[in-house]
Structures are given as structure tokens and as C-alpha cells.
Amino acid sequence: KQTGDTGATLTFDNVLLFHDGTNTQIGTPTVSGASVTATVVDHGRERKILIYKKKRRKGYQRKNGHRQWYTEIEIQKIKASAVKKSKAAPKKAKPKVKETAQDKE
């Protein structure tokens, strides 16, 4: 569960991976300069998960339930100001060799 009322703006600075359609930047451990801005839509609780313990022939039975809190968010903007774009290595030109009279024969 995140802090903040419904409609509040959250900023996440710990971005692990960024992909802009052509280039992928993987953080080590995070991508520097990347951030995500989101708006809180709702807070709530998940459905109940039942935990049941039993030991056979001993009369031991325990039933427990758990409901996890969650925050529903809507992503507004993904910012990557300092993400470097990888460039292709420049092609090396082959040296030109002049033909001599001996090579033609």
C-alpha cells in the first residue's frame, strides 16, 4: 500500500528497466535519470486468502484468513532524461590497394 489520498501524485525514481520502442536500458541496479509519475486511483483490499492447518489423528485444526492491502495507480508519464541511446559501431573502410603492372599479368 502506498501513502497518499485518492488523486494524489506519486513519483517513482527507482526504475529498473526502460524501453522506448527501439532501445532498451537495463539499470545497474537502477536506470539513472528515469522516473515514473502516477496518480492514486483507489486504495482497497484483495479477496480473502484462507490458510488451513491440520494434523491428522490429533484433533489439531487452525483456520486463518489474510486480506492484502493494495493501491491502484494510473501511470501518467514515464520520463527518461539521462537515458543514453546506443549507437551502432562505425564501419571501418578497407584500405584501397593500387594495381600494378605485375598484378595485371
PDB file of N, CA and C in Angstrom:
ATOM      1  N   LYS A   1       0.850  -1.177   0.000  1.00  0.00           N
ATOM      2  CA  LYS A   1       0.000   0.000   0.000  1.00  0.00           C
ATOM      3  C   LYS A   1       0.890   1.231   0.000  1.00  0.00           C
ATOM      4  N   GLN A   2       0.609   2.157  -0.891  1.00  0.00           N
ATOM      5  CA  GLN A   2       1.339   3.415  -0.983  1.00  0.00           C
ATOM      6  C   GLN A   2       0.628   4.476  -0.148  1.00  0.00           C
ATOM      7  N   THR A   3       1.405   5.444   0.334  1.00  0.00           N
ATOM      8  CA  THR A   3       0.802   6.543   1.064  1.00  0.00           C
ATOM      9  C   THR A   3       0.244   7.550   0.073  1.00  0.00           C
ATOM     10  N   GLY A   4      -0.724   8.323   0.503  1.00  0.00           N
ATOM     11  CA  GLY A   4      -1.319   9.331  -0.368  1.00  0.00           C
ATOM     12  C   GLY A   4      -2.801   9.096  -0.546  1.00  0.00           C
ATOM     13  N   ASP A   5      -3.553  10.187  -0.591  1.00  0.00           N
ATOM     14  CA  ASP A   5      -5.001  10.106  -0.775  1.00  0.00           C
ATOM     15  C   ASP A   5      -5.334   9.856  -2.243  1.00  0.00           C
ATOM     16  N   THR A   6      -6.582   9.547  -2.500  1.00  0.00           N
ATOM     17  CA  THR A   6      -7.049   9.357  -3.868  1.00  0.00           C
ATOM     18  C   THR A   6      -6.878  10.658  -4.644  1.00  0.00           C
ATOM     19  N   GLY A   7      -6.249  10.578  -5.802  1.00  0.00           N
ATOM     20  CA  GLY A   7      -5.982  11.760  -6.618  1.00  0.00           C
ATOM     21  C   GLY A   7      -4.599  12.341  -6.403  1.00  0.00           C
ATOM     22  N   ALA A   8      -3.857  11.842  -5.415  1.00  0.00           N
ATOM     23  CA  ALA A   8      -2.504  12.346  -5.156  1.00  0.00           C
ATOM     24  C   ALA A   8      -1.550  11.854  -6.235  1.00  0.00           C
ATOM     25  N   THR A   9      -0.465  12.597  -6.442  1.00  0.00           N
ATOM     26  CA  THR A   9       0.533  12.242  -7.448  1.00  0.00           C
ATOM     27  C   THR A   9       1.731  11.592  -6.764  1.00  0.00           C
ATOM     28  N   LEU A  10       2.165  10.457  -7.296  1.00  0.00           N
ATOM     29  CA  LEU A  10       3.332   9.738  -6.792  1.00  0.00           C
ATOM     30  C   LEU A  10       4.421   9.757  -7.848  1.00  0.00           C
ATOM     31  N   THR A  11       5.688   9.785  -7.400  1.00  0.00           N
ATOM     32  CA  THR A  11       6.821   9.708  -8.312  1.00  0.00           C
ATOM     33  C   THR A  11       7.703   8.546  -7.886  1.00  0.00           C
ATOM     34  N   PHE A  12       7.991   7.664  -8.822  1.00  0.00           N
ATOM     35  CA  PHE A  12       8.863   6.520  -8.579  1.00  0.00           C
ATOM     36  C   PHE A  12      10.187   6.783  -9.281  1.00  0.00           C
ATOM     37  N   ASP A  13      11.284   6.871  -8.503  1.00  0.00           N
ATOM     38  CA  ASP A  13      12.599   7.167  -9.065  1.00  0.00           C
ATOM     39  C   ASP A  13      13.433   5.915  -9.296  1.00  0.00           C
ATOM     40  N   ASN A  14      13.082   4.815  -8.667  1.00  0.00           N
ATOM     41  CA  ASN A  14      13.842   3.577  -8.814  1.00  0.00           C
ATOM     42  C   ASN A  14      13.291   2.775  -9.988  1.00  0.00           C
ATOM     43  N   VAL A  15      13.769   3.090 -11.189  1.00  0.00           N
ATOM     44  CA  VAL A  15      13.332   2.408 -12.409  1.00  0.00           C
ATOM     45  C   VAL A  15      14.388   1.369 -12.763  1.00  0.00           C
ATOM     46  N   LEU A  16      13.982   0.121 -12.889  1.00  0.00           N
ATOM     47  CA  LEU A  16      14.928  -0.962 -13.148  1.00  0.00           C
ATOM     48  C   LEU A  16      15.205  -1.165 -14.629  1.00  0.00           C
ATOM     49  N   LEU A  17      14.221  -0.892 -15.498  1.00  0.00           N
ATOM     50  CA  LEU A  17      14.386  -1.115 -16.928  1.00  0.00           C
ATOM     51  C   LEU A  17      13.579  -0.067 -17.677  1.00  0.00           C
ATOM     52  N   PHE A  18      14.143   0.443 -18.783  1.00  0.00           N
ATOM     53  CA  PHE A  18      13.454   1.435 -19.609  1.00  0.00           C
ATOM     54  C   PHE A  18      13.556   1.008 -21.059  1.00  0.00           C
ATOM     55  N   HIS A  19      12.422   1.037 -21.775  1.00  0.00           N
ATOM     56  CA  HIS A  19      12.388   0.662 -23.192  1.00  0.00           C
ATOM     57  C   HIS A  19      11.566   1.713 -23.929  1.00  0.00           C
ATOM     58  N   ASP A  20      12.148   2.361 -24.954  1.00  0.00           N
ATOM     59  CA  ASP A  20      11.460   3.438 -25.670  1.00  0.00           C
ATOM     60  C   ASP A  20      10.951   3.010 -27.039  1.00  0.00           C
ATOM     61  N   GLY A  21      10.892   1.735 -27.301  1.00  0.00           N
ATOM     62  CA  GLY A  21      10.406   1.250 -28.585  1.00  0.00           C
ATOM     63  C   GLY A  21      11.526   0.687 -29.442  1.00  0.00           C
ATOM     64  N   THR A  22      12.718   1.270 -29.358  1.00  0.00           N
ATOM     65  CA  THR A  22      13.856   0.775 -30.131  1.00  0.00           C
ATOM     66  C   THR A  22      15.024   0.397 -29.232  1.00  0.00           C
ATOM     67  N   ASN A  23      15.265   1.179 -28.196  1.00  0.00           N
ATOM     68  CA  ASN A  23      16.401   0.931 -27.310  1.00  0.00           C
ATOM     69  C   ASN A  23      15.912   0.481 -25.943  1.00  0.00           C
ATOM     70  N   THR A  24      16.665  -0.447 -25.344  1.00  0.00           N
ATOM     71  CA  THR A  24      16.359  -0.923 -24.003  1.00  0.00           C
ATOM     72  C   THR A  24      17.525  -0.582 -23.101  1.00  0.00           C
ATOM     73  N   GLN A  25      17.219   0.040 -21.973  1.00  0.00           N
ATOM     74  CA  GLN A  25      18.235   0.413 -20.994  1.00  0.00           C
ATOM     75  C   GLN A  25      17.964  -0.382 -19.721  1.00  0.00           C
ATOM     76  N   ILE A  26      18.931  -1.207 -19.311  1.00  0.00           N
ATOM     77  CA  ILE A  26      18.803  -2.004 -18.099  1.00  0.00           C
ATOM     78  C   ILE A  26      19.656  -1.349 -17.031  1.00  0.00           C
ATOM     79  N   GLY A  27      19.069  -1.117 -15.862  1.00  0.00           N
ATOM     80  CA  GLY A  27      19.766  -0.444 -14.778  1.00  0.00           C
ATOM     81  C   GLY A  27      20.721  -1.358 -14.049  1.00  0.00           C
ATOM     82  N   THR A  28      21.721  -0.748 -13.431  1.00  0.00           N
ATOM     83  CA  THR A  28      22.683  -1.495 -12.624  1.00  0.00           C
ATOM     84  C   THR A  28      22.837  -0.815 -11.282  1.00  0.00           C
ATOM     85  N   PRO A  29      22.003  -0.892 -10.312  1.00  0.00           N
ATOM     86  CA  PRO A  29      20.739  -1.621 -10.264  1.00  0.00           C
ATOM     87  C   PRO A  29      19.552  -0.832 -10.810  1.00  0.00           C
ATOM     88  N   THR A  30      19.668   0.513 -10.915  1.00  0.00           N
ATOM     89  CA  THR A  30      18.553   1.298 -11.451  1.00  0.00           C
ATOM     90  C   THR A  30      19.033   2.152 -12.610  1.00  0.00           C
ATOM     91  N   VAL A  31      18.103   2.600 -13.442  1.00  0.00           N
ATOM     92  CA  VAL A  31      18.413   3.480 -14.569  1.00  0.00           C
ATOM     93  C   VAL A  31      18.485   4.904 -14.022  1.00  0.00           C
ATOM     94  N   SER A  32      19.639   5.547 -14.181  1.00  0.00           N
ATOM     95  CA  SER A  32      19.796   6.892 -13.642  1.00  0.00           C
ATOM     96  C   SER A  32      19.032   7.895 -14.499  1.00  0.00           C
ATOM     97  N   GLY A  33      18.339   8.818 -13.841  1.00  0.00           N
ATOM     98  CA  GLY A  33      17.601   9.859 -14.541  1.00  0.00           C
ATOM     99  C   GLY A  33      16.211   9.469 -14.984  1.00  0.00           C
ATOM    100  N   ALA A  34      15.831   8.226 -14.832  1.00  0.00           N
ATOM    101  CA  ALA A  34      14.498   7.788 -15.251  1.00  0.00           C
ATOM    102  C   ALA A  34      13.546   7.852 -14.059  1.00  0.00           C
ATOM    103  N   SER A  35      12.311   8.255 -14.317  1.00  0.00           N
ATOM    104  CA  SER A  35      11.301   8.299 -13.263  1.00  0.00           C
ATOM    105  C   SER A  35       9.926   8.061 -13.872  1.00  0.00           C
ATOM    106  N   VAL A  36       8.999   7.651 -13.017  1.00  0.00           N
ATOM    107  CA  VAL A  36       7.628   7.379 -13.429  1.00  0.00           C
ATOM    108  C   VAL A  36       6.706   8.199 -12.538  1.00  0.00           C
ATOM    109  N   THR A  37       5.776   8.924 -13.147  1.00  0.00           N
ATOM    110  CA  THR A  37       4.795   9.713 -12.412  1.00  0.00           C
ATOM    111  C   THR A  37       3.440   9.024 -12.532  1.00  0.00           C
ATOM    112  N   ALA A  38       2.767   8.850 -11.380  1.00  0.00           N
ATOM    113  CA  ALA A  38       1.486   8.148 -11.359  1.00  0.00           C
ATOM    114  C   ALA A  38       0.506   8.881 -10.450  1.00  0.00           C
ATOM    115  N   THR A  39      -0.778   8.616 -10.647  1.00  0.00           N
ATOM    116  CA  THR A  39      -1.843   9.178  -9.829  1.00  0.00           C
ATOM    117  C   THR A  39      -2.538   8.046  -9.085  1.00  0.00           C
ATOM    118  N   VAL A  40      -2.828   8.256  -7.790  1.00  0.00           N
ATOM    119  CA  VAL A  40      -3.517   7.253  -6.983  1.00  0.00           C
ATOM    120  C   VAL A  40      -4.991   7.244  -7.377  1.00  0.00           C
ATOM    121  N   VAL A  41      -5.485   6.070  -7.778  1.00  0.00           N
ATOM    122  CA  VAL A  41      -6.880   5.923  -8.175  1.00  0.00           C
ATOM    123  C   VAL A  41      -7.721   5.456  -6.989  1.00  0.00           C
ATOM    124  N   ASP A  42      -7.228   4.450  -6.248  1.00  0.00           N
ATOM    125  CA  ASP A  42      -8.026   3.865  -5.181  1.00  0.00           C
ATOM    126  C   ASP A  42      -7.133   3.081  -4.234  1.00  0.00           C
ATOM    127  N   HIS A  43      -7.572   2.936  -2.987  1.00  0.00           N
ATOM    128  CA  HIS A  43      -6.970   2.028  -2.015  1.00  0.00           C
ATOM    129  C   HIS A  43      -8.003   0.955  -1.713  1.00  0.00           C
ATOM    130  N   GLY A  44      -7.551  -0.254  -1.481  1.00  0.00           N
ATOM    131  CA  GLY A  44      -8.506  -1.313  -1.187  1.00  0.00           C
ATOM    132  C   GLY A  44      -7.822  -2.530  -0.620  1.00  0.00           C
ATOM    133  N   ARG A  45      -8.600  -3.597  -0.508  1.00  0.00           N
ATOM    134  CA  ARG A  45      -8.080  -4.864  -0.018  1.00  0.00           C
ATOM    135  C   ARG A  45      -8.468  -5.966  -0.994  1.00  0.00           C
ATOM    136  N   GLU A  46      -7.559  -6.913  -1.171  1.00  0.00           N
ATOM    137  CA  GLU A  46      -7.794  -8.048  -2.057  1.00  0.00           C
ATOM    138  C   GLU A  46      -8.809  -9.004  -1.431  1.00  0.00           C
ATOM    139  N   ARG A  47      -9.180 -10.026  -2.190  1.00  0.00           N
ATOM    140  CA  ARG A  47     -10.090 -11.037  -1.656  1.00  0.00           C
ATOM    141  C   ARG A  47      -9.373 -11.834  -0.564  1.00  0.00           C
ATOM    142  N   LYS A  48     -10.128 -12.483   0.277  1.00  0.00           N
ATOM    143  CA  LYS A  48      -9.554 -13.200   1.412  1.00  0.00           C
ATOM    144  C   LYS A  48      -8.909 -14.510   0.963  1.00  0.00           C
ATOM    145  N   ILE A  49      -7.694 -14.727   1.447  1.00  0.00           N
ATOM    146  CA  ILE A  49      -6.976 -15.984   1.227  1.00  0.00           C
ATOM    147  C   ILE A  49      -7.099 -16.791   2.518  1.00  0.00           C
ATOM    148  N   LEU A  50      -7.566 -18.034   2.432  1.00  0.00           N
ATOM    149  CA  LEU A  50      -7.728 -18.869   3.611  1.00  0.00           C
ATOM    150  C   LEU A  50      -6.518 -19.757   3.807  1.00  0.00           C
ATOM    151  N   ILE A  51      -6.040 -19.811   5.042  1.00  0.00           N
ATOM    152  CA  ILE A  51      -4.925 -20.672   5.423  1.00  0.00           C
ATOM    153  C   ILE A  51      -5.489 -21.691   6.407  1.00  0.00           C
ATOM    154  N   TYR A  52      -5.344 -22.963   6.088  1.00  0.00           N
ATOM    155  CA  TYR A  52      -5.908 -24.014   6.923  1.00  0.00           C
ATOM    156  C   TYR A  52      -4.808 -24.984   7.300  1.00  0.00           C
ATOM    157  N   LYS A  53      -4.616 -25.188   8.620  1.00  0.00           N
ATOM    158  CA  LYS A  53      -3.612 -26.127   9.109  1.00  0.00           C
ATOM    159  C   LYS A  53      -4.326 -27.282   9.805  1.00  0.00           C
ATOM    160  N   LYS A  54      -3.811 -28.480   9.596  1.00  0.00           N
ATOM    161  CA  LYS A  54      -4.406 -29.641  10.239  1.00  0.00           C
ATOM    162  C   LYS A  54      -3.346 -30.708  10.427  1.00  0.00           C
ATOM    163  N   LYS A  55      -3.400 -31.373  11.579  1.00  0.00           N
ATOM    164  CA  LYS A  55      -2.569 -32.552  11.817  1.00  0.00           C
ATOM    165  C   LYS A  55      -3.518 -33.729  12.008  1.00  0.00           C
ATOM    166  N   ARG A  56      -3.371 -34.706  11.174  1.00  0.00           N
ATOM    167  CA  ARG A  56      -4.331 -35.803  11.189  1.00  0.00           C
ATOM    168  C   ARG A  56      -4.225 -36.629  12.482  1.00  0.00           C
ATOM    169  N   ARG A  57      -5.338 -37.137  12.889  1.00  0.00           N
ATOM    170  CA  ARG A  57      -5.499 -38.018  14.054  1.00  0.00           C
ATOM    171  C   ARG A  57      -5.131 -37.352  15.378  1.00  0.00           C
ATOM    172  N   LYS A  58      -4.912 -36.055  15.429  1.00  0.00           N
ATOM    173  CA  LYS A  58      -4.524 -35.389  16.674  1.00  0.00           C
ATOM    174  C   LYS A  58      -5.550 -34.354  17.134  1.00  0.00           C
ATOM    175  N   GLY A  59      -6.542 -34.067  16.320  1.00  0.00           N
ATOM    176  CA  GLY A  59      -7.549 -33.094  16.699  1.00  0.00           C
ATOM    177  C   GLY A  59      -7.065 -31.656  16.590  1.00  0.00           C
ATOM    178  N   TYR A  60      -5.985 -31.421  15.838  1.00  0.00           N
ATOM    179  CA  TYR A  60      -5.416 -30.076  15.693  1.00  0.00           C
ATOM    180  C   TYR A  60      -5.875 -29.479  14.373  1.00  0.00           C
ATOM    181  N   GLN A  61      -6.636 -28.396  14.457  1.00  0.00           N
ATOM    182  CA  GLN A  61      -7.095 -27.697  13.262  1.00  0.00           C
ATOM    183  C   GLN A  61      -7.034 -26.199  13.521  1.00  0.00           C
ATOM    184  N   ARG A  62      -6.489 -25.453  12.569  1.00  0.00           N
ATOM    185  CA  ARG A  62      -6.437 -23.993  12.672  1.00  0.00           C
ATOM    186  C   ARG A  62      -6.833 -23.401  11.327  1.00  0.00           C
ATOM    187  N   LYS A  63      -7.707 -22.416  11.369  1.00  0.00           N
ATOM    188  CA  LYS A  63      -8.146 -21.739  10.157  1.00  0.00           C
ATOM    189  C   LYS A  63      -7.844 -20.259  10.326  1.00  0.00           C
ATOM    190  N   ASN A  64      -7.202 -19.671   9.322  1.00  0.00           N
ATOM    191  CA  ASN A  64      -6.815 -18.266   9.385  1.00  0.00           C
ATOM    192  C   ASN A  64      -7.057 -17.648   8.012  1.00  0.00           C
ATOM    193  N   GLY A  65      -7.290 -16.354   7.987  1.00  0.00           N
ATOM    194  CA  GLY A  65      -7.505 -15.656   6.726  1.00  0.00           C
ATOM    195  C   GLY A  65      -6.601 -14.444   6.624  1.00  0.00           C
ATOM    196  N   HIS A  66      -6.352 -14.007   5.375  1.00  0.00           N
ATOM    197  CA  HIS A  66      -5.500 -12.836   5.150  1.00  0.00           C
ATOM    198  C   HIS A  66      -6.047 -12.045   3.973  1.00  0.00           C
ATOM    199  N   ARG A  67      -6.112 -10.705   4.146  1.00  0.00           N
ATOM    200  CA  ARG A  67      -6.506  -9.797   3.062  1.00  0.00           C
ATOM    201  C   ARG A  67      -5.411  -8.757   2.913  1.00  0.00           C
ATOM    202  N   GLN A  68      -4.772  -8.741   1.751  1.00  0.00           N
ATOM    203  CA  GLN A  68      -3.647  -7.836   1.487  1.00  0.00           C
ATOM    204  C   GLN A  68      -4.154  -6.473   1.035  1.00  0.00           C
ATOM    205  N   TRP A  69      -3.577  -5.397   1.592  1.00  0.00           N
ATOM    206  CA  TRP A  69      -3.879  -4.038   1.146  1.00  0.00           C
ATOM    207  C   TRP A  69      -3.209  -3.776  -0.192  1.00  0.00           C
ATOM    208  N   TYR A  70      -3.832  -2.967  -1.042  1.00  0.00           N
ATOM    209  CA  TYR A  70      -3.230  -2.591  -2.316  1.00  0.00           C
ATOM    210  C   TYR A  70      -3.587  -1.148  -2.640  1.00  0.00           C
ATOM    211  N   THR A  71      -2.807  -0.543  -3.537  1.00  0.00           N
ATOM    212  CA  THR A  71      -3.074   0.791  -4.053  1.00  0.00           C
ATOM    213  C   THR A  71      -3.157   0.688  -5.564  1.00  0.00           C
ATOM    214  N   GLU A  72      -4.272   1.102  -6.128  1.00  0.00           N
ATOM    215  CA  GLU A  72      -4.445   1.115  -7.579  1.00  0.00           C
ATOM    216  C   GLU A  72      -3.956   2.461  -8.092  1.00  0.00           C
ATOM    217  N   ILE A  73      -3.024   2.435  -9.059  1.00  0.00           N
ATOM    218  CA  ILE A  73      -2.451   3.670  -9.597  1.00  0.00           C
ATOM    219  C   ILE A  73      -2.652   3.720 -11.106  1.00  0.00           C
ATOM    220  N   GLU A  74      -2.594   4.935 -11.646  1.00  0.00           N
ATOM    221  CA  GLU A  74      -2.669   5.150 -13.089  1.00  0.00           C
ATOM    222  C   GLU A  74      -1.397   5.879 -13.502  1.00  0.00           C
ATOM    223  N   ILE A  75      -0.648   5.300 -14.444  1.00  0.00           N
ATOM    224  CA  ILE A  75       0.609   5.881 -14.904  1.00  0.00           C
ATOM    225  C   ILE A  75       0.302   7.097 -15.770  1.00  0.00           C
ATOM    226  N   GLN A  76       0.902   8.230 -15.432  1.00  0.00           N
ATOM    227  CA  GLN A  76       0.698   9.472 -16.175  1.00  0.00           C
ATOM    228  C   GLN A  76       1.840   9.744 -17.148  1.00  0.00           C
ATOM    229  N   LYS A  77       3.082   9.562 -16.684  1.00  0.00           N
ATOM    230  CA  LYS A  77       4.230   9.937 -17.505  1.00  0.00           C
ATOM    231  C   LYS A  77       5.427   9.066 -17.149  1.00  0.00           C
ATOM    232  N   ILE A  78       6.176   8.679 -18.175  1.00  0.00           N
ATOM    233  CA  ILE A  78       7.433   7.967 -17.990  1.00  0.00           C
ATOM    234  C   ILE A  78       8.523   8.868 -18.537  1.00  0.00           C
ATOM    235  N   LYS A  79       9.422   9.288 -17.665  1.00  0.00           N
ATOM    236  CA  LYS A  79      10.452  10.257 -18.031  1.00  0.00           C
ATOM    237  C   LYS A  79      11.812   9.574 -18.016  1.00  0.00           C
ATOM    238  N   ALA A  80      12.597   9.831 -19.052  1.00  0.00           N
ATOM    239  CA  ALA A  80      13.941   9.267 -19.142  1.00  0.00           C
ATOM    240  C   ALA A  80      14.865  10.344 -19.675  1.00  0.00           C
ATOM    241  N   SER A  81      15.258  11.269 -18.826  1.00  0.00           N
ATOM    242  CA  SER A  81      16.053  12.406 -19.292  1.00  0.00           C
ATOM    243  C   SER A  81      17.497  12.029 -19.584  1.00  0.00           C
ATOM    244  N   ALA A  82      18.080  11.159 -18.783  1.00  0.00           N
ATOM    245  CA  ALA A  82      19.502  10.867 -18.933  1.00  0.00           C
ATOM    246  C   ALA A  82      19.763   9.488 -19.515  1.00  0.00           C
ATOM    247  N   VAL A  83      18.786   8.913 -20.173  1.00  0.00           N
ATOM    248  CA  VAL A  83      18.972   7.590 -20.764  1.00  0.00           C
ATOM    249  C   VAL A  83      19.788   7.730 -22.035  1.00  0.00           C
ATOM    250  N   LYS A  84      20.879   6.982 -22.101  1.00  0.00           N
ATOM    251  CA  LYS A  84      21.760   7.044 -23.268  1.00  0.00           C
ATOM    252  C   LYS A  84      21.232   6.128 -24.359  1.00  0.00           C
ATOM    253  N   LYS A  85      21.296   6.607 -25.574  1.00  0.00           N
ATOM    254  CA  LYS A  85      20.917   5.775 -26.711  1.00  0.00           C
ATOM    255  C   LYS A  85      22.176   5.119 -27.254  1.00  0.00           C
ATOM    256  N   SER A  86      22.089   3.830 -27.507  1.00  0.00           N
ATOM    257  CA  SER A  86      23.253   3.123 -28.022  1.00  0.00           C
ATOM    258  C   SER A  86      23.412   3.416 -29.507  1.00  0.00           C
ATOM    259  N   LYS A  87      24.642   3.659 -29.911  1.00  0.00           N
ATOM    260  CA  LYS A  87      24.934   3.932 -31.316  1.00  0.00           C
ATOM    261  C   LYS A  87      25.576   2.705 -31.935  1.00  0.00           C
ATOM    262  N   ALA A  88      25.334   2.517 -33.204  1.00  0.00           N
ATOM    263  CA  ALA A  88      25.955   1.412 -33.921  1.00  0.00           C
ATOM    264  C   ALA A  88      27.428   1.746 -34.141  1.00  0.00           C
ATOM    265  N   ALA A  89      28.259   0.726 -34.130  1.00  0.00           N
ATOM    266  CA  ALA A  89      29.691   0.940 -34.322  1.00  0.00           C
ATOM    267  C   ALA A  89      29.948   1.445 -35.742  1.00  0.00           C
ATOM    268  N   PRO A  90      30.816   2.435 -35.905  1.00  0.00           N
ATOM    269  CA  PRO A  90      31.089   2.940 -37.254  1.00  0.00           C
ATOM    270  C   PRO A  90      31.800   1.877 -38.085  1.00  0.00           C
ATOM    271  N   LYS A  91      31.474   1.853 -39.368  1.00  0.00           N
ATOM    272  CA  LYS A  91      32.085   0.872 -40.259  1.00  0.00           C
ATOM    273  C   LYS A  91      33.485   1.331 -40.630  1.00  0.00           C
ATOM    274  N   LYS A  92      34.404   0.382 -40.608  1.00  0.00           N
ATOM    275  CA  LYS A  92      35.785   0.694 -40.977  1.00  0.00           C
ATOM    276  C   LYS A  92      35.951   0.505 -42.479  1.00  0.00           C
ATOM    277  N   ALA A  93      36.553   1.478 -43.120  1.00  0.00           N
ATOM    278  CA  ALA A  93      36.787   1.401 -44.563  1.00  0.00           C
ATOM    279  C   ALA A  93      38.024   0.549 -44.819  1.00  0.00           C
ATOM    280  N   LYS A  94      37.915  -0.301 -45.828  1.00  0.00           N
ATOM    281  CA  LYS A  94      39.065  -1.134 -46.177  1.00  0.00           C
ATOM    282  C   LYS A  94      40.062  -0.282 -46.955  1.00  0.00           C
ATOM    283  N   PRO A  95      41.350  -0.465 -46.706  1.00  0.00           N
ATOM    284  CA  PRO A  95      42.340   0.322 -47.450  1.00  0.00           C
ATOM    285  C   PRO A  95      42.344  -0.083 -48.928  1.00  0.00           C
ATOM    286  N   LYS A  96      42.448   0.906 -49.780  1.00  0.00           N
ATOM    287  CA  LYS A  96      42.461   0.647 -51.213  1.00  0.00           C
ATOM    288  C   LYS A  96      43.866   0.245 -51.638  1.00  0.00           C
ATOM    289  N   VAL A  97      43.910  -0.776 -52.486  1.00  0.00           N
ATOM    290  CA  VAL A  97      45.196  -1.275 -52.983  1.00  0.00           C
ATOM    291  C   VAL A  97      45.300  -0.906 -54.455  1.00  0.00           C
ATOM    292  N   LYS A  98      46.400  -0.274 -54.814  1.00  0.00           N
ATOM    293  CA  LYS A  98      46.613   0.094 -56.218  1.00  0.00           C
ATOM    294  C   LYS A  98      47.116  -1.119 -56.978  1.00  0.00           C
ATOM    295  N   GLU A  99      46.582  -1.271 -58.186  1.00  0.00           N
ATOM    296  CA  GLU A  99      47.034  -2.371 -59.030  1.00  0.00           C
ATOM    297  C   GLU A  99      48.289  -1.938 -59.778  1.00  0.00           C
ATOM    298  N   THR A 100      49.241  -2.816 -59.810  1.00  0.00           N
ATOM    299  CA  THR A 100      50.479  -2.535 -60.543  1.00  0.00           C
ATOM    300  C   THR A 100      50.497  -3.376 -61.808  1.00  0.00           C
ATOM    301  N   ALA A 101      51.493  -3.170 -62.607  1.00  0.00           N
ATOM    302  CA  ALA A 101      51.631  -3.900 -63.867  1.00  0.00           C
ATOM    303  C   ALA A 101      51.838  -5.384 -63.599  1.00  0.00           C
ATOM    304  N   GLN A 102      52.491  -5.722 -62.510  1.00  0.00           N
ATOM    305  CA  GLN A 102      52.742  -7.130 -62.203  1.00  0.00           C
ATOM    306  C   GLN A 102      51.445  -7.837 -61.807  1.00  0.00           C
ATOM    307  N   ASP A 103      50.530  -7.118 -61.123  1.00  0.00           N
ATOM    308  CA  ASP A 103      49.278  -7.729 -60.700  1.00  0.00           C
ATOM    309  C   ASP A 103      48.369  -8.033 -61.886  1.00  0.00           C
ATOM    310  N   LYS A 104      48.468  -7.233 -62.964  1.00  0.00           N
ATOM    311  CA  LYS A 104      47.603  -7.422 -64.117  1.00  0.00           C
ATOM    312  C   LYS A 104      47.987  -8.652 -64.920  1.00  0.00           C
ATOM    313  N   GLU A 105      49.217  -9.082 -64.822  1.00  0.00           N
ATOM    314  CA  GLU A 105      49.671 -10.215 -65.640  1.00  0.00           C
ATOM    315  C   GLU A 105      49.266 -11.525 -65.103  1.00  0.00           C
TER     316      GLU A 105
END
